[in-house]
Amino acid sequence: MSSDQLIRLTQVEHELYEQVMTGVVTRLEGCRGDYPVDVVQSVLEFYKRLRFKHTRWSSPVGGKADVDQQKEELCLRAIEVQRQEIASMSNEGDLSGEEEKELRRFIHYIESVVLYEYVE
């Protein structure tokens, strides 16, 4: 099977999955009057999570690589926010010099772990 055929097959699979999941969720929402609301809501949440996981991790274009890229970017943004907060606290006099150094050392460690994790 060529790569174009494989991509198209995967797209059809995802479209079919989406149609089935949409039908399941619609039918469950219609059951609200027939069964206890908390039971229906619990089952609905299960299927919605299942649907979300499938679309995030199995999308035909990108998929897990895109998610990994987004996770790395989010981690690096969080590290930058932490650096800014350390600088702000230091400027306001809320941290001693030693506390600031220790926090910055910890942030460097976290950053190196994040970058190393996504290189492999």
PDB file of N, CA and C in Angstrom:
ATOM      1  N   MET A   1       0.848  -1.169   0.000  1.00  0.00           N
ATOM      2  CA  MET A   1       0.000   0.000   0.000  1.00  0.00           C
ATOM      3  C   MET A   1       0.900   1.240   0.000  1.00  0.00           C
ATOM      4  N   SER A   2       0.588   2.184  -0.863  1.00  0.00           N
ATOM      5  CA  SER A   2       1.405   3.390  -0.927  1.00  0.00           C
ATOM      6  C   SER A   2       1.118   4.282   0.277  1.00  0.00           C
ATOM      7  N   SER A   3       2.003   5.228   0.512  1.00  0.00           N
ATOM      8  CA  SER A   3       1.810   6.126   1.662  1.00  0.00           C
ATOM      9  C   SER A   3       0.561   6.978   1.483  1.00  0.00           C
ATOM     10  N   ASP A   4       0.238   7.383   0.246  1.00  0.00           N
ATOM     11  CA  ASP A   4      -0.988   8.156   0.008  1.00  0.00           C
ATOM     12  C   ASP A   4      -2.226   7.324   0.334  1.00  0.00           C
ATOM     13  N   GLN A   5      -2.196   6.051  -0.049  1.00  0.00           N
ATOM     14  CA  GLN A   5      -3.329   5.176   0.251  1.00  0.00           C
ATOM     15  C   GLN A   5      -3.461   4.955   1.762  1.00  0.00           C
ATOM     16  N   LEU A   6      -2.337   4.809   2.415  1.00  0.00           N
ATOM     17  CA  LEU A   6      -2.342   4.614   3.861  1.00  0.00           C
ATOM     18  C   LEU A   6      -2.890   5.852   4.574  1.00  0.00           C
ATOM     19  N   ILE A   7      -2.480   7.021   4.128  1.00  0.00           N
ATOM     20  CA  ILE A   7      -2.986   8.269   4.717  1.00  0.00           C
ATOM     21  C   ILE A   7      -4.489   8.374   4.502  1.00  0.00           C
ATOM     22  N   ARG A   8      -4.945   8.082   3.297  1.00  0.00           N
ATOM     23  CA  ARG A   8      -6.385   8.161   3.012  1.00  0.00           C
ATOM     24  C   ARG A   8      -7.167   7.145   3.843  1.00  0.00           C
ATOM     25  N   LEU A   9      -6.636   5.938   3.975  1.00  0.00           N
ATOM     26  CA  LEU A   9      -7.281   4.912   4.785  1.00  0.00           C
ATOM     27  C   LEU A   9      -7.382   5.374   6.243  1.00  0.00           C
ATOM     28  N   THR A  10      -6.336   5.958   6.741  1.00  0.00           N
ATOM     29  CA  THR A  10      -6.335   6.473   8.115  1.00  0.00           C
ATOM     30  C   THR A  10      -7.348   7.597   8.274  1.00  0.00           C
ATOM     31  N   GLN A  11      -7.440   8.476   7.288  1.00  0.00           N
ATOM     32  CA  GLN A  11      -8.421   9.560   7.345  1.00  0.00           C
ATOM     33  C   GLN A  11      -9.841   9.012   7.365  1.00  0.00           C
ATOM     34  N   VAL A  12     -10.117   8.007   6.537  1.00  0.00           N
ATOM     35  CA  VAL A  12     -11.445   7.393   6.506  1.00  0.00           C
ATOM     36  C   VAL A  12     -11.746   6.739   7.854  1.00  0.00           C
ATOM     37  N   GLU A  13     -10.759   6.069   8.410  1.00  0.00           N
ATOM     38  CA  GLU A  13     -10.924   5.444   9.722  1.00  0.00           C
ATOM     39  C   GLU A  13     -11.294   6.488  10.776  1.00  0.00           C
ATOM     40  N   HIS A  14     -10.613   7.621  10.754  1.00  0.00           N
ATOM     41  CA  HIS A  14     -10.892   8.681  11.726  1.00  0.00           C
ATOM     42  C   HIS A  14     -12.270   9.293  11.509  1.00  0.00           C
ATOM     43  N   GLU A  15     -12.653   9.468  10.262  1.00  0.00           N
ATOM     44  CA  GLU A  15     -13.984  10.009   9.973  1.00  0.00           C
ATOM     45  C   GLU A  15     -15.065   9.054  10.478  1.00  0.00           C
ATOM     46  N   LEU A  16     -14.879   7.767  10.246  1.00  0.00           N
ATOM     47  CA  LEU A  16     -15.833   6.766  10.700  1.00  0.00           C
ATOM     48  C   LEU A  16     -15.900   6.736  12.227  1.00  0.00           C
ATOM     49  N   TYR A  17     -14.746   6.755  12.865  1.00  0.00           N
ATOM     50  CA  TYR A  17     -14.693   6.779  14.330  1.00  0.00           C
ATOM     51  C   TYR A  17     -15.442   7.993  14.867  1.00  0.00           C
ATOM     52  N   GLU A  18     -15.212   9.133  14.261  1.00  0.00           N
ATOM     53  CA  GLU A  18     -15.864  10.375  14.699  1.00  0.00           C
ATOM     54  C   GLU A  18     -17.384  10.278  14.535  1.00  0.00           C
ATOM     55  N   GLN A  19     -17.838   9.715  13.432  1.00  0.00           N
ATOM     56  CA  GLN A  19     -19.279   9.555  13.217  1.00  0.00           C
ATOM     57  C   GLN A  19     -19.886   8.622  14.259  1.00  0.00           C
ATOM     58  N   VAL A  20     -19.208   7.522  14.541  1.00  0.00           N
ATOM     59  CA  VAL A  20     -19.708   6.565  15.530  1.00  0.00           C
ATOM     60  C   VAL A  20     -19.757   7.219  16.911  1.00  0.00           C
ATOM     61  N   MET A  21     -18.698   7.896  17.298  1.00  0.00           N
ATOM     62  CA  MET A  21     -18.655   8.525  18.618  1.00  0.00           C
ATOM     63  C   MET A  21     -19.695   9.636  18.735  1.00  0.00           C
ATOM     64  N   THR A  22     -19.892  10.395  17.671  1.00  0.00           N
ATOM     65  CA  THR A  22     -20.918  11.438  17.683  1.00  0.00           C
ATOM     66  C   THR A  22     -22.293  10.808  17.884  1.00  0.00           C
ATOM     67  N   GLY A  23     -22.540   9.687  17.203  1.00  0.00           N
ATOM     68  CA  GLY A  23     -23.812   8.976  17.362  1.00  0.00           C
ATOM     69  C   GLY A  23     -24.006   8.458  18.772  1.00  0.00           C
ATOM     70  N   VAL A  24     -22.957   7.908  19.358  1.00  0.00           N
ATOM     71  CA  VAL A  24     -23.033   7.385  20.724  1.00  0.00           C
ATOM     72  C   VAL A  24     -23.352   8.514  21.699  1.00  0.00           C
ATOM     73  N   VAL A  25     -22.625   9.617  21.588  1.00  0.00           N
ATOM     74  CA  VAL A  25     -22.842  10.752  22.494  1.00  0.00           C
ATOM     75  C   VAL A  25     -24.257  11.308  22.322  1.00  0.00           C
ATOM     76  N   THR A  26     -24.729  11.431  21.094  1.00  0.00           N
ATOM     77  CA  THR A  26     -26.080  11.939  20.833  1.00  0.00           C
ATOM     78  C   THR A  26     -27.126  11.018  21.455  1.00  0.00           C
ATOM     79  N   ARG A  27     -26.954   9.720  21.274  1.00  0.00           N
ATOM     80  CA  ARG A  27     -27.916   8.758  21.850  1.00  0.00           C
ATOM     81  C   ARG A  27     -27.902   8.811  23.370  1.00  0.00           C
ATOM     82  N   LEU A  28     -26.713   8.918  23.948  1.00  0.00           N
ATOM     83  CA  LEU A  28     -26.626   8.999  25.408  1.00  0.00           C
ATOM     84  C   LEU A  28     -27.299  10.261  25.938  1.00  0.00           C
ATOM     85  N   GLU A  29     -27.104  11.363  25.246  1.00  0.00           N
ATOM     86  CA  GLU A  29     -27.740  12.607  25.676  1.00  0.00           C
ATOM     87  C   GLU A  29     -29.261  12.483  25.623  1.00  0.00           C
ATOM     88  N   GLY A  30     -29.779  11.680  24.707  1.00  0.00           N
ATOM     89  CA  GLY A  30     -31.211  11.445  24.609  1.00  0.00           C
ATOM     90  C   GLY A  30     -31.750  10.540  25.708  1.00  0.00           C
ATOM     91  N   CYS A  31     -30.872   9.877  26.451  1.00  0.00           N
ATOM     92  CA  CYS A  31     -31.290   8.959  27.524  1.00  0.00           C
ATOM     93  C   CYS A  31     -31.437   9.650  28.875  1.00  0.00           C
ATOM     94  N   ARG A  32     -31.208  10.921  28.921  1.00  0.00           N
ATOM     95  CA  ARG A  32     -31.211  11.616  30.213  1.00  0.00           C
ATOM     96  C   ARG A  32     -32.521  11.435  30.986  1.00  0.00           C
ATOM     97  N   GLY A  33     -33.652  11.362  30.308  1.00  0.00           N
ATOM     98  CA  GLY A  33     -34.932  11.210  30.996  1.00  0.00           C
ATOM     99  C   GLY A  33     -35.245   9.787  31.389  1.00  0.00           C
ATOM    100  N   ASP A  34     -34.554   8.817  30.797  1.00  0.00           N
ATOM    101  CA  ASP A  34     -34.859   7.403  31.032  1.00  0.00           C
ATOM    102  C   ASP A  34     -34.030   6.776  32.157  1.00  0.00           C
ATOM    103  N   TYR A  35     -32.881   7.346  32.453  1.00  0.00           N
ATOM    104  CA  TYR A  35     -31.974   6.780  33.441  1.00  0.00           C
ATOM    105  C   TYR A  35     -31.548   7.878  34.412  1.00  0.00           C
ATOM    106  N   PRO A  36     -31.000   7.476  35.560  1.00  0.00           N
ATOM    107  CA  PRO A  36     -30.527   8.502  36.508  1.00  0.00           C
ATOM    108  C   PRO A  36     -29.514   9.443  35.841  1.00  0.00           C
ATOM    109  N   VAL A  37     -29.675  10.724  36.085  1.00  0.00           N
ATOM    110  CA  VAL A  37     -28.854  11.744  35.432  1.00  0.00           C
ATOM    111  C   VAL A  37     -27.367  11.524  35.701  1.00  0.00           C
ATOM    112  N   ASP A  38     -27.008  11.174  36.930  1.00  0.00           N
ATOM    113  CA  ASP A  38     -25.584  11.005  37.251  1.00  0.00           C
ATOM    114  C   ASP A  38     -24.978   9.817  36.502  1.00  0.00           C
ATOM    115  N   VAL A  39     -25.759   8.770  36.273  1.00  0.00           N
ATOM    116  CA  VAL A  39     -25.257   7.607  35.528  1.00  0.00           C
ATOM    117  C   VAL A  39     -25.028   7.985  34.068  1.00  0.00           C
ATOM    118  N   VAL A  40     -26.015   8.641  33.478  1.00  0.00           N
ATOM    119  CA  VAL A  40     -25.885   9.068  32.073  1.00  0.00           C
ATOM    120  C   VAL A  40     -24.707  10.019  31.927  1.00  0.00           C
ATOM    121  N   GLN A  41     -24.569  10.961  32.866  1.00  0.00           N
ATOM    122  CA  GLN A  41     -23.471  11.930  32.790  1.00  0.00           C
ATOM    123  C   GLN A  41     -22.120  11.233  32.905  1.00  0.00           C
ATOM    124  N   SER A  42     -22.030  10.244  33.775  1.00  0.00           N
ATOM    125  CA  SER A  42     -20.778   9.495  33.940  1.00  0.00           C
ATOM    126  C   SER A  42     -20.397   8.769  32.647  1.00  0.00           C
ATOM    127  N   VAL A  43     -21.359   8.107  32.029  1.00  0.00           N
ATOM    128  CA  VAL A  43     -21.090   7.387  30.782  1.00  0.00           C
ATOM    129  C   VAL A  43     -20.743   8.376  29.669  1.00  0.00           C
ATOM    130  N   LEU A  44     -21.447   9.516  29.626  1.00  0.00           N
ATOM    131  CA  LEU A  44     -21.148  10.547  28.623  1.00  0.00           C
ATOM    132  C   LEU A  44     -19.722  11.051  28.772  1.00  0.00           C
ATOM    133  N   GLU A  45     -19.310  11.338  29.992  1.00  0.00           N
ATOM    134  CA  GLU A  45     -17.953  11.824  30.227  1.00  0.00           C
ATOM    135  C   GLU A  45     -16.919  10.789  29.803  1.00  0.00           C
ATOM    136  N   PHE A  46     -17.197   9.516  30.053  1.00  0.00           N
ATOM    137  CA  PHE A  46     -16.291   8.458  29.629  1.00  0.00           C
ATOM    138  C   PHE A  46     -16.095   8.487  28.111  1.00  0.00           C
ATOM    139  N   TYR A  47     -17.202   8.540  27.377  1.00  0.00           N
ATOM    140  CA  TYR A  47     -17.101   8.534  25.914  1.00  0.00           C
ATOM    141  C   TYR A  47     -16.473   9.820  25.377  1.00  0.00           C
ATOM    142  N   LYS A  48     -16.743  10.935  26.024  1.00  0.00           N
ATOM    143  CA  LYS A  48     -16.126  12.187  25.582  1.00  0.00           C
ATOM    144  C   LYS A  48     -14.618  12.154  25.793  1.00  0.00           C
ATOM    145  N   ARG A  49     -14.161  11.587  26.927  1.00  0.00           N
ATOM    146  CA  ARG A  49     -12.719  11.445  27.167  1.00  0.00           C
ATOM    147  C   ARG A  49     -12.094  10.506  26.149  1.00  0.00           C
ATOM    148  N   LEU A  50     -12.782   9.408  25.885  1.00  0.00           N
ATOM    149  CA  LEU A  50     -12.305   8.430  24.899  1.00  0.00           C
ATOM    150  C   LEU A  50     -12.167   9.089  23.526  1.00  0.00           C
ATOM    151  N   ARG A  51     -13.156   9.856  23.154  1.00  0.00           N
ATOM    152  CA  ARG A  51     -13.150  10.565  21.870  1.00  0.00           C
ATOM    153  C   ARG A  51     -12.000  11.564  21.809  1.00  0.00           C
ATOM    154  N   PHE A  52     -11.804  12.315  22.891  1.00  0.00           N
ATOM    155  CA  PHE A  52     -10.725  13.301  22.940  1.00  0.00           C
ATOM    156  C   PHE A  52      -9.364  12.624  22.821  1.00  0.00           C
ATOM    157  N   LYS A  53      -9.167  11.533  23.569  1.00  0.00           N
ATOM    158  CA  LYS A  53      -7.886  10.815  23.504  1.00  0.00           C
ATOM    159  C   LYS A  53      -7.617  10.313  22.096  1.00  0.00           C
ATOM    160  N   HIS A  54      -8.635   9.788  21.465  1.00  0.00           N
ATOM    161  CA  HIS A  54      -8.453   9.258  20.118  1.00  0.00           C
ATOM    162  C   HIS A  54      -8.065  10.368  19.150  1.00  0.00           C
ATOM    163  N   THR A  55      -8.744  11.497  19.193  1.00  0.00           N
ATOM    164  CA  THR A  55      -8.450  12.567  18.243  1.00  0.00           C
ATOM    165  C   THR A  55      -7.099  13.209  18.532  1.00  0.00           C
ATOM    166  N   ARG A  56      -6.693  13.284  19.799  1.00  0.00           N
ATOM    167  CA  ARG A  56      -5.406  13.911  20.129  1.00  0.00           C
ATOM    168  C   ARG A  56      -4.225  13.012  19.788  1.00  0.00           C
ATOM    169  N   TRP A  57      -4.344  11.710  20.059  1.00  0.00           N
ATOM    170  CA  TRP A  57      -3.198  10.826  19.919  1.00  0.00           C
ATOM    171  C   TRP A  57      -3.167  10.054  18.616  1.00  0.00           C
ATOM    172  N   SER A  58      -4.250  10.062  17.869  1.00  0.00           N
ATOM    173  CA  SER A  58      -4.296   9.234  16.676  1.00  0.00           C
ATOM    174  C   SER A  58      -4.650  10.017  15.429  1.00  0.00           C
ATOM    175  N   SER A  59      -4.467  11.313  15.463  1.00  0.00           N
ATOM    176  CA  SER A  59      -4.844  12.083  14.289  1.00  0.00           C
ATOM    177  C   SER A  59      -3.967  11.679  13.113  1.00  0.00           C
ATOM    178  N   PRO A  60      -4.532  11.637  11.911  1.00  0.00           N
ATOM    179  CA  PRO A  60      -3.786  11.130  10.765  1.00  0.00           C
ATOM    180  C   PRO A  60      -2.597  11.992  10.382  1.00  0.00           C
ATOM    181  N   VAL A  61      -2.661  13.269  10.650  1.00  0.00           N
ATOM    182  CA  VAL A  61      -1.551  14.153  10.304  1.00  0.00           C
ATOM    183  C   VAL A  61      -0.942  14.664  11.599  1.00  0.00           C
ATOM    184  N   GLY A  62       0.310  14.388  11.814  1.00  0.00           N
ATOM    185  CA  GLY A  62       0.988  14.876  13.014  1.00  0.00           C
ATOM    186  C   GLY A  62       0.919  13.862  14.134  1.00  0.00           C
ATOM    187  N   GLY A  63      -0.170  13.850  14.845  1.00  0.00           N
ATOM    188  CA  GLY A  63      -0.381  12.900  15.914  1.00  0.00           C
ATOM    189  C   GLY A  63       0.488  13.152  17.121  1.00  0.00           C
ATOM    190  N   LYS A  64       1.067  12.088  17.642  1.00  0.00           N
ATOM    191  CA  LYS A  64       1.822  12.146  18.886  1.00  0.00           C
ATOM    192  C   LYS A  64       3.000  13.108  18.801  1.00  0.00           C
ATOM    193  N   ALA A  65       3.629  13.214  17.646  1.00  0.00           N
ATOM    194  CA  ALA A  65       4.756  14.139  17.495  1.00  0.00           C
ATOM    195  C   ALA A  65       4.314  15.572  17.738  1.00  0.00           C
ATOM    196  N   ASP A  66       3.130  15.933  17.232  1.00  0.00           N
ATOM    197  CA  ASP A  66       2.600  17.275  17.472  1.00  0.00           C
ATOM    198  C   ASP A  66       2.305  17.493  18.942  1.00  0.00           C
ATOM    199  N   VAL A  67       1.756  16.488  19.597  1.00  0.00           N
ATOM    200  CA  VAL A  67       1.446  16.588  21.019  1.00  0.00           C
ATOM    201  C   VAL A  67       2.738  16.744  21.817  1.00  0.00           C
ATOM    202  N   ASP A  68       3.757  15.963  21.476  1.00  0.00           N
ATOM    203  CA  ASP A  68       5.046  16.087  22.162  1.00  0.00           C
ATOM    204  C   ASP A  68       5.624  17.488  21.985  1.00  0.00           C
ATOM    205  N   GLN A  69       5.515  18.030  20.785  1.00  0.00           N
ATOM    206  CA  GLN A  69       6.006  19.386  20.517  1.00  0.00           C
ATOM    207  C   GLN A  69       5.250  20.401  21.378  1.00  0.00           C
ATOM    208  N   GLN A  70       3.939  20.257  21.474  1.00  0.00           N
ATOM    209  CA  GLN A  70       3.139  21.169  22.284  1.00  0.00           C
ATOM    210  C   GLN A  70       3.485  21.052  23.762  1.00  0.00           C
ATOM    211  N   LYS A  71       3.713  19.820  24.226  1.00  0.00           N
ATOM    212  CA  LYS A  71       4.088  19.618  25.625  1.00  0.00           C
ATOM    213  C   LYS A  71       5.429  20.281  25.928  1.00  0.00           C
ATOM    214  N   GLU A  72       6.374  20.130  25.021  1.00  0.00           N
ATOM    215  CA  GLU A  72       7.683  20.744  25.222  1.00  0.00           C
ATOM    216  C   GLU A  72       7.559  22.264  25.278  1.00  0.00           C
ATOM    217  N   GLU A  73       6.799  22.844  24.351  1.00  0.00           N
ATOM    218  CA  GLU A  73       6.611  24.294  24.343  1.00  0.00           C
ATOM    219  C   GLU A  73       5.936  24.776  25.621  1.00  0.00           C
ATOM    220  N   LEU A  74       4.951  24.027  26.088  1.00  0.00           N
ATOM    221  CA  LEU A  74       4.253  24.393  27.318  1.00  0.00           C
ATOM    222  C   LEU A  74       5.196  24.334  28.518  1.00  0.00           C
ATOM    223  N   CYS A  75       6.013  23.295  28.580  1.00  0.00           N
ATOM    224  CA  CYS A  75       6.992  23.181  29.672  1.00  0.00           C
ATOM    225  C   CYS A  75       7.969  24.350  29.659  1.00  0.00           C
ATOM    226  N   LEU A  76       8.443  24.699  28.478  1.00  0.00           N
ATOM    227  CA  LEU A  76       9.407  25.803  28.386  1.00  0.00           C
ATOM    228  C   LEU A  76       8.760  27.142  28.735  1.00  0.00           C
ATOM    229  N   ARG A  77       7.494  27.313  28.374  1.00  0.00           N
ATOM    230  CA  ARG A  77       6.786  28.541  28.783  1.00  0.00           C
ATOM    231  C   ARG A  77       6.628  28.602  30.294  1.00  0.00           C
ATOM    232  N   ALA A  78       6.300  27.462  30.895  1.00  0.00           N
ATOM    233  CA  ALA A  78       6.149  27.409  32.352  1.00  0.00           C
ATOM    234  C   ALA A  78       7.472  27.740  33.041  1.00  0.00           C
ATOM    235  N   ILE A  79       8.556  27.260  32.495  1.00  0.00           N
ATOM    236  CA  ILE A  79       9.873  27.567  33.054  1.00  0.00           C
ATOM    237  C   ILE A  79      10.158  29.056  32.953  1.00  0.00           C
ATOM    238  N   GLU A  80       9.810  29.666  31.835  1.00  0.00           N
ATOM    239  CA  GLU A  80      10.023  31.110  31.662  1.00  0.00           C
ATOM    240  C   GLU A  80       9.201  31.910  32.667  1.00  0.00           C
ATOM    241  N   VAL A  81       7.973  31.485  32.901  1.00  0.00           N
ATOM    242  CA  VAL A  81       7.123  32.168  33.896  1.00  0.00           C
ATOM    243  C   VAL A  81       7.760  32.045  35.278  1.00  0.00           C
ATOM    244  N   GLN A  82       8.304  30.890  35.586  1.00  0.00           N
ATOM    245  CA  GLN A  82       8.966  30.710  36.881  1.00  0.00           C
ATOM    246  C   GLN A  82      10.179  31.626  37.006  1.00  0.00           C
ATOM    247  N   ARG A  83      10.936  31.753  35.938  1.00  0.00           N
ATOM    248  CA  ARG A  83      12.086  32.675  35.964  1.00  0.00           C
ATOM    249  C   ARG A  83      11.639  34.112  36.213  1.00  0.00           C
ATOM    250  N   GLN A  84      10.571  34.507  35.535  1.00  0.00           N
ATOM    251  CA  GLN A  84      10.057  35.859  35.716  1.00  0.00           C
ATOM    252  C   GLN A  84       9.588  36.088  37.149  1.00  0.00           C
ATOM    253  N   GLU A  85       8.958  35.099  37.724  1.00  0.00           N
ATOM    254  CA  GLU A  85       8.474  35.219  39.094  1.00  0.00           C
ATOM    255  C   GLU A  85       9.643  35.311  40.080  1.00  0.00           C
ATOM    256  N   ILE A  86      10.685  34.551  39.839  1.00  0.00           N
ATOM    257  CA  ILE A  86      11.877  34.623  40.688  1.00  0.00           C
ATOM    258  C   ILE A  86      12.480  36.020  40.606  1.00  0.00           C
ATOM    259  N   ALA A  87      12.593  36.565  39.386  1.00  0.00           N
ATOM    260  CA  ALA A  87      13.139  37.915  39.213  1.00  0.00           C
ATOM    261  C   ALA A  87      12.266  38.947  39.923  1.00  0.00           C
ATOM    262  N   SER A  88      10.973  38.800  39.802  1.00  0.00           N
ATOM    263  CA  SER A  88      10.050  39.735  40.453  1.00  0.00           C
ATOM    264  C   SER A  88      10.183  39.673  41.968  1.00  0.00           C
ATOM    265  N   MET A  89      10.232  38.469  42.514  1.00  0.00           N
ATOM    266  CA  MET A  89      10.367  38.307  43.957  1.00  0.00           C
ATOM    267  C   MET A  89      11.705  38.844  44.438  1.00  0.00           C
ATOM    268  N   SER A  90      12.735  38.662  43.641  1.00  0.00           N
ATOM    269  CA  SER A  90      14.055  39.168  43.996  1.00  0.00           C
ATOM    270  C   SER A  90      14.072  40.695  44.002  1.00  0.00           C
ATOM    271  N   ASN A  91      13.465  41.294  42.981  1.00  0.00           N
ATOM    272  CA  ASN A  91      13.403  42.761  42.911  1.00  0.00           C
ATOM    273  C   ASN A  91      12.610  43.365  44.061  1.00  0.00           C
ATOM    274  N   GLU A  92      11.598  42.656  44.529  1.00  0.00           N
ATOM    275  CA  GLU A  92      10.777  43.149  45.630  1.00  0.00           C
ATOM    276  C   GLU A  92      11.409  42.862  46.989  1.00  0.00           C
ATOM    277  N   GLY A  93      12.511  42.131  46.986  1.00  0.00           N
ATOM    278  CA  GLY A  93      13.196  41.829  48.234  1.00  0.00           C
ATOM    279  C   GLY A  93      12.605  40.659  48.996  1.00  0.00           C
ATOM    280  N   ASP A  94      11.792  39.853  48.338  1.00  0.00           N
ATOM    281  CA  ASP A  94      11.162  38.709  48.998  1.00  0.00           C
ATOM    282  C   ASP A  94      12.082  37.492  49.077  1.00  0.00           C
ATOM    283  N   LEU A  95      13.202  37.535  48.353  1.00  0.00           N
ATOM    284  CA  LEU A  95      14.146  36.418  48.350  1.00  0.00           C
ATOM    285  C   LEU A  95      15.526  36.899  48.752  1.00  0.00           C
ATOM    286  N   SER A  96      16.209  36.064  49.511  1.00  0.00           N
ATOM    287  CA  SER A  96      17.616  36.360  49.788  1.00  0.00           C
ATOM    288  C   SER A  96      18.428  35.948  48.566  1.00  0.00           C
ATOM    289  N   GLY A  97      19.662  36.369  48.504  1.00  0.00           N
ATOM    290  CA  GLY A  97      20.527  36.008  47.393  1.00  0.00           C
ATOM    291  C   GLY A  97      20.698  34.505  47.271  1.00  0.00           C
ATOM    292  N   GLU A  98      20.829  33.851  48.411  1.00  0.00           N
ATOM    293  CA  GLU A  98      21.004  32.390  48.407  1.00  0.00           C
ATOM    294  C   GLU A  98      19.728  31.678  47.945  1.00  0.00           C
ATOM    295  N   GLU A  99      18.569  32.166  48.374  1.00  0.00           N
ATOM    296  CA  GLU A  99      17.304  31.571  47.935  1.00  0.00           C
ATOM    297  C   GLU A  99      17.120  31.744  46.431  1.00  0.00           C
ATOM    298  N   GLU A 100      17.471  32.916  45.936  1.00  0.00           N
ATOM    299  CA  GLU A 100      17.354  33.168  44.497  1.00  0.00           C
ATOM    300  C   GLU A 100      18.254  32.223  43.709  1.00  0.00           C
ATOM    301  N   LYS A 101      19.491  32.060  44.162  1.00  0.00           N
ATOM    302  CA  LYS A 101      20.414  31.143  43.480  1.00  0.00           C
ATOM    303  C   LYS A 101      19.880  29.719  43.477  1.00  0.00           C
ATOM    304  N   GLU A 102      19.362  29.283  44.621  1.00  0.00           N
ATOM    305  CA  GLU A 102      18.844  27.920  44.732  1.00  0.00           C
ATOM    306  C   GLU A 102      17.651  27.713  43.804  1.00  0.00           C
ATOM    307  N   LEU A 103      16.752  28.684  43.744  1.00  0.00           N
ATOM    308  CA  LEU A 103      15.599  28.571  42.853  1.00  0.00           C
ATOM    309  C   LEU A 103      16.031  28.566  41.388  1.00  0.00           C
ATOM    310  N   ARG A 104      16.981  29.430  41.041  1.00  0.00           N
ATOM    311  CA  ARG A 104      17.468  29.466  39.656  1.00  0.00           C
ATOM    312  C   ARG A 104      18.169  28.159  39.291  1.00  0.00           C
ATOM    313  N   ARG A 105      18.904  27.591  40.215  1.00  0.00           N
ATOM    314  CA  ARG A 105      19.563  26.305  39.990  1.00  0.00           C
ATOM    315  C   ARG A 105      18.520  25.221  39.721  1.00  0.00           C
ATOM    316  N   PHE A 106      17.459  25.244  40.514  1.00  0.00           N
ATOM    317  CA  PHE A 106      16.387  24.266  40.347  1.00  0.00           C
ATOM    318  C   PHE A 106      15.713  24.435  38.980  1.00  0.00           C
ATOM    319  N   ILE A 107      15.460  25.677  38.561  1.00  0.00           N
ATOM    320  CA  ILE A 107      14.846  25.947  37.259  1.00  0.00           C
ATOM    321  C   ILE A 107      15.762  25.455  36.132  1.00  0.00           C
ATOM    322  N   HIS A 108      17.068  25.680  36.258  1.00  0.00           N
ATOM    323  CA  HIS A 108      18.015  25.174  35.248  1.00  0.00           C
ATOM    324  C   HIS A 108      17.958  23.658  35.163  1.00  0.00           C
ATOM    325  N   TYR A 109      17.854  23.022  36.330  1.00  0.00           N
ATOM    326  CA  TYR A 109      17.772  21.554  36.348  1.00  0.00           C
ATOM    327  C   TYR A 109      16.506  21.078  35.621  1.00  0.00           C
ATOM    328  N   ILE A 110      15.382  21.684  35.954  1.00  0.00           N
ATOM    329  CA  ILE A 110      14.116  21.302  35.305  1.00  0.00           C
ATOM    330  C   ILE A 110      14.207  21.506  33.792  1.00  0.00           C
ATOM    331  N   GLU A 111      14.759  22.627  33.385  1.00  0.00           N
ATOM    332  CA  GLU A 111      14.885  22.909  31.956  1.00  0.00           C
ATOM    333  C   GLU A 111      15.756  21.865  31.261  1.00  0.00           C
ATOM    334  N   SER A 112      16.838  21.480  31.892  1.00  0.00           N
ATOM    335  CA  SER A 112      17.712  20.484  31.266  1.00  0.00           C
ATOM    336  C   SER A 112      17.004  19.135  31.160  1.00  0.00           C
ATOM    337  N   VAL A 113      16.206  18.774  32.156  1.00  0.00           N
ATOM    338  CA  VAL A 113      15.454  17.527  32.106  1.00  0.00           C
ATOM    339  C   VAL A 113      14.430  17.578  30.974  1.00  0.00           C
ATOM    340  N   VAL A 114      13.711  18.695  30.869  1.00  0.00           N
ATOM    341  CA  VAL A 114      12.693  18.840  29.819  1.00  0.00           C
ATOM    342  C   VAL A 114      13.336  18.754  28.444  1.00  0.00           C
ATOM    343  N   LEU A 115      14.408  19.468  28.238  1.00  0.00           N
ATOM    344  CA  LEU A 115      15.061  19.464  26.940  1.00  0.00           C
ATOM    345  C   LEU A 115      15.665  18.108  26.615  1.00  0.00           C
ATOM    346  N   TYR A 116      16.250  17.442  27.602  1.00  0.00           N
ATOM    347  CA  TYR A 116      16.823  16.131  27.382  1.00  0.00           C
ATOM    348  C   TYR A 116      15.728  15.124  27.037  1.00  0.00           C
ATOM    349  N   GLU A 117      14.580  15.207  27.735  1.00  0.00           N
ATOM    350  CA  GLU A 117      13.476  14.277  27.513  1.00  0.00           C
ATOM    351  C   GLU A 117      12.968  14.355  26.088  1.00  0.00           C
ATOM    352  N   TYR A 118      12.896  15.544  25.518  1.00  0.00           N
ATOM    353  CA  TYR A 118      12.330  15.696  24.183  1.00  0.00           C
ATOM    354  C   TYR A 118      13.364  15.534  23.074  1.00  0.00           C
ATOM    355  N   VAL A 119      14.627  15.445  23.441  1.00  0.00           N
ATOM    356  CA  VAL A 119      15.656  15.175  22.435  1.00  0.00           C
ATOM    357  C   VAL A 119      15.662  13.714  22.087  1.00  0.00           C
ATOM    358  N   GLU A 120      15.423  12.863  23.085  1.00  0.00           N
ATOM    359  CA  GLU A 120      15.447  11.412  22.856  1.00  0.00           C
ATOM    360  C   GLU A 120      14.281  10.943  22.041  1.00  0.00           C
TER     361      GLU A 120
END
